[in-house]
Amino acid sequence: MKTIHAVYESGVFRPLERVDLPERTEVEFEPRPVAQLADQNSHLEGIYAVLCERYESGEHDVAARHHEHQP
């Protein structure tokens, strides 16, 4: 069986790729943290910074102006 990469979120290991096993198959594994995963998530800080700027822009109802630019 090949190595499956997963992320641990909310108490559950979530595979990052398709796993070719029948549903409810019991497996045994030994978690080994991968340093690369921490590096992959480091770019999220920049994304969250941009999202916070938009949220704090004073524009509260963007949906209300959705069709403003439409002909």
N, C-alpha and C. Protein backbone atom coordinates (compact mmCIF):
# COMPACT_ATOMS: atom_id res chain seq x y z
N MET A 1 0.86 -1.18 0.00
CA MET A 1 0.00 0.00 0.00
C MET A 1 0.89 1.23 0.00
N LYS A 2 0.50 2.24 -0.74
CA LYS A 2 1.29 3.47 -0.82
C LYS A 2 1.06 4.36 0.40
N THR A 3 1.93 5.34 0.58
CA THR A 3 1.80 6.30 1.67
C THR A 3 0.68 7.27 1.36
N ILE A 4 -0.17 7.53 2.33
CA ILE A 4 -1.28 8.47 2.18
C ILE A 4 -0.97 9.71 3.00
N HIS A 5 -1.01 10.87 2.37
CA HIS A 5 -0.80 12.13 3.08
C HIS A 5 -2.16 12.62 3.57
N ALA A 6 -2.20 13.08 4.82
CA ALA A 6 -3.45 13.53 5.42
C ALA A 6 -3.19 14.76 6.28
N VAL A 7 -4.27 15.47 6.59
CA VAL A 7 -4.23 16.63 7.48
C VAL A 7 -5.11 16.31 8.68
N TYR A 8 -4.64 16.65 9.86
CA TYR A 8 -5.41 16.43 11.08
C TYR A 8 -6.20 17.69 11.38
N GLU A 9 -7.53 17.62 11.30
CA GLU A 9 -8.41 18.76 11.53
C GLU A 9 -9.60 18.34 12.37
N SER A 10 -9.89 19.08 13.41
CA SER A 10 -11.07 18.83 14.26
C SER A 10 -11.14 17.38 14.74
N GLY A 11 -10.00 16.82 15.10
CA GLY A 11 -9.97 15.47 15.65
C GLY A 11 -10.07 14.35 14.63
N VAL A 12 -9.94 14.69 13.33
CA VAL A 12 -10.09 13.69 12.27
C VAL A 12 -8.92 13.83 11.28
N PHE A 13 -8.38 12.69 10.83
CA PHE A 13 -7.37 12.71 9.78
C PHE A 13 -8.09 12.72 8.44
N ARG A 14 -7.84 13.76 7.63
CA ARG A 14 -8.49 13.92 6.32
C ARG A 14 -7.45 13.70 5.23
N PRO A 15 -7.61 12.64 4.41
CA PRO A 15 -6.65 12.38 3.33
C PRO A 15 -6.60 13.54 2.34
N LEU A 16 -5.41 13.82 1.82
CA LEU A 16 -5.24 14.88 0.83
C LEU A 16 -5.39 14.36 -0.60
N GLU A 17 -5.52 13.06 -0.74
CA GLU A 17 -5.74 12.46 -2.05
C GLU A 17 -6.72 11.30 -1.91
N ARG A 18 -7.18 10.81 -3.03
CA ARG A 18 -8.14 9.70 -3.02
C ARG A 18 -7.51 8.46 -2.40
N VAL A 19 -8.27 7.78 -1.56
CA VAL A 19 -7.82 6.55 -0.93
C VAL A 19 -8.63 5.40 -1.50
N ASP A 20 -7.94 4.41 -2.04
CA ASP A 20 -8.61 3.29 -2.70
C ASP A 20 -8.89 2.17 -1.69
N LEU A 21 -9.85 2.42 -0.80
CA LEU A 21 -10.26 1.44 0.21
C LEU A 21 -11.78 1.46 0.30
N PRO A 22 -12.39 0.32 0.59
CA PRO A 22 -13.83 0.32 0.81
C PRO A 22 -14.20 1.14 2.05
N GLU A 23 -15.39 1.72 2.06
CA GLU A 23 -15.86 2.48 3.22
C GLU A 23 -15.79 1.62 4.48
N ARG A 24 -15.49 2.27 5.58
CA ARG A 24 -15.44 1.67 6.91
C ARG A 24 -14.35 0.61 7.06
N THR A 25 -13.35 0.63 6.17
CA THR A 25 -12.22 -0.28 6.32
C THR A 25 -11.37 0.19 7.49
N GLU A 26 -11.08 -0.69 8.39
CA GLU A 26 -10.25 -0.34 9.54
C GLU A 26 -8.78 -0.42 9.12
N VAL A 27 -8.03 0.62 9.43
CA VAL A 27 -6.61 0.66 9.09
C VAL A 27 -5.80 0.99 10.34
N GLU A 28 -4.53 0.73 10.27
CA GLU A 28 -3.62 1.06 11.37
C GLU A 28 -2.49 1.89 10.77
N PHE A 29 -2.17 2.99 11.43
CA PHE A 29 -1.07 3.80 10.93
C PHE A 29 -0.38 4.51 12.09
N GLU A 30 0.80 4.97 11.82
CA GLU A 30 1.59 5.71 12.80
C GLU A 30 1.80 7.12 12.25
N PRO A 31 1.13 8.12 12.81
CA PRO A 31 1.26 9.49 12.27
C PRO A 31 2.70 9.98 12.36
N ARG A 32 3.16 10.59 11.29
CA ARG A 32 4.50 11.16 11.22
C ARG A 32 4.35 12.56 10.64
N PRO A 33 4.51 13.61 11.46
CA PRO A 33 4.35 14.98 10.94
C PRO A 33 5.31 15.23 9.78
N VAL A 34 4.81 15.95 8.77
CA VAL A 34 5.59 16.29 7.60
C VAL A 34 5.83 17.79 7.63
N ALA A 35 7.08 18.20 7.65
CA ALA A 35 7.42 19.63 7.73
C ALA A 35 6.85 20.41 6.55
N GLN A 36 6.75 19.77 5.40
CA GLN A 36 6.25 20.44 4.20
C GLN A 36 4.83 20.97 4.40
N LEU A 37 4.00 20.29 5.16
CA LEU A 37 2.63 20.74 5.36
C LEU A 37 2.59 22.09 6.08
N ALA A 38 3.46 22.29 7.05
CA ALA A 38 3.51 23.57 7.74
C ALA A 38 3.88 24.68 6.77
N ASP A 39 4.81 24.41 5.85
CA ASP A 39 5.21 25.41 4.86
C ASP A 39 4.07 25.72 3.89
N GLN A 40 3.27 24.72 3.53
CA GLN A 40 2.17 24.93 2.61
C GLN A 40 1.11 25.85 3.22
N ASN A 41 0.91 25.78 4.52
CA ASN A 41 -0.11 26.59 5.18
C ASN A 41 0.38 27.99 5.52
N SER A 42 1.68 28.25 5.42
CA SER A 42 2.19 29.56 5.80
C SER A 42 1.67 30.66 4.86
N HIS A 43 1.35 30.34 3.62
CA HIS A 43 0.83 31.35 2.69
C HIS A 43 -0.58 31.81 3.07
N LEU A 44 -1.27 31.08 3.92
CA LEU A 44 -2.62 31.46 4.31
C LEU A 44 -2.64 32.75 5.11
N GLU A 45 -1.56 33.06 5.82
CA GLU A 45 -1.51 34.30 6.60
C GLU A 45 -1.71 35.51 5.71
N GLY A 46 -1.09 35.52 4.54
CA GLY A 46 -1.24 36.62 3.60
C GLY A 46 -2.66 36.72 3.07
N ILE A 47 -3.27 35.59 2.80
CA ILE A 47 -4.64 35.56 2.30
C ILE A 47 -5.59 36.10 3.35
N TYR A 48 -5.43 35.66 4.60
CA TYR A 48 -6.29 36.14 5.68
C TYR A 48 -6.10 37.64 5.91
N ALA A 49 -4.89 38.13 5.73
CA ALA A 49 -4.64 39.57 5.89
C ALA A 49 -5.44 40.36 4.86
N VAL A 50 -5.45 39.90 3.62
CA VAL A 50 -6.21 40.57 2.57
C VAL A 50 -7.71 40.51 2.86
N LEU A 51 -8.20 39.34 3.29
CA LEU A 51 -9.61 39.20 3.60
C LEU A 51 -10.03 40.13 4.75
N CYS A 52 -9.18 40.29 5.73
CA CYS A 52 -9.50 41.17 6.86
C CYS A 52 -9.58 42.62 6.40
N GLU A 53 -8.72 43.02 5.48
CA GLU A 53 -8.77 44.38 4.97
C GLU A 53 -10.10 44.64 4.29
N ARG A 54 -10.57 43.69 3.49
CA ARG A 54 -11.85 43.86 2.81
C ARG A 54 -12.99 43.90 3.81
N TYR A 55 -12.93 43.05 4.80
CA TYR A 55 -13.99 43.00 5.81
C TYR A 55 -14.08 44.30 6.57
N GLU A 56 -12.96 44.93 6.83
CA GLU A 56 -12.92 46.16 7.62
C GLU A 56 -12.98 47.41 6.74
N SER A 57 -13.37 47.28 5.50
CA SER A 57 -13.35 48.41 4.57
C SER A 57 -14.52 49.36 4.76
N GLY A 58 -15.50 48.97 5.54
CA GLY A 58 -16.66 49.82 5.73
C GLY A 58 -17.82 49.44 4.82
N GLU A 59 -17.58 48.61 3.83
CA GLU A 59 -18.63 48.14 2.92
C GLU A 59 -19.29 46.94 3.56
N HIS A 60 -20.51 47.10 4.07
CA HIS A 60 -21.14 46.05 4.85
C HIS A 60 -22.01 45.11 4.01
N ASP A 61 -22.58 45.60 2.92
CA ASP A 61 -23.48 44.76 2.13
C ASP A 61 -23.02 44.77 0.67
N VAL A 62 -22.01 43.98 0.38
CA VAL A 62 -21.48 43.93 -0.97
C VAL A 62 -22.51 43.36 -1.93
N ALA A 63 -23.34 42.43 -1.50
CA ALA A 63 -24.34 41.82 -2.36
C ALA A 63 -25.35 42.84 -2.87
N ALA A 64 -25.62 43.86 -2.10
CA ALA A 64 -26.60 44.87 -2.51
C ALA A 64 -26.12 45.63 -3.75
N ARG A 65 -24.80 45.69 -3.96
CA ARG A 65 -24.24 46.42 -5.11
C ARG A 65 -23.76 45.47 -6.19
N HIS A 66 -24.17 44.21 -6.15
CA HIS A 66 -23.66 43.19 -7.07
C HIS A 66 -23.85 43.55 -8.53
N HIS A 67 -25.00 44.06 -8.92
CA HIS A 67 -25.30 44.31 -10.33
C HIS A 67 -24.98 45.74 -10.76
N GLU A 68 -24.33 46.50 -9.91
CA GLU A 68 -24.03 47.90 -10.19
C GLU A 68 -23.18 48.07 -11.46
N HIS A 69 -22.28 47.14 -11.73
CA HIS A 69 -21.40 47.27 -12.88
C HIS A 69 -21.96 46.61 -14.15
N GLN A 70 -23.09 45.98 -14.04
CA GLN A 70 -23.68 45.29 -15.19
C GLN A 70 -24.33 46.28 -16.14
N PRO A 71 -24.26 46.01 -17.47
CA PRO A 71 -24.89 46.93 -18.46
C PRO A 71 -26.41 46.86 -18.40
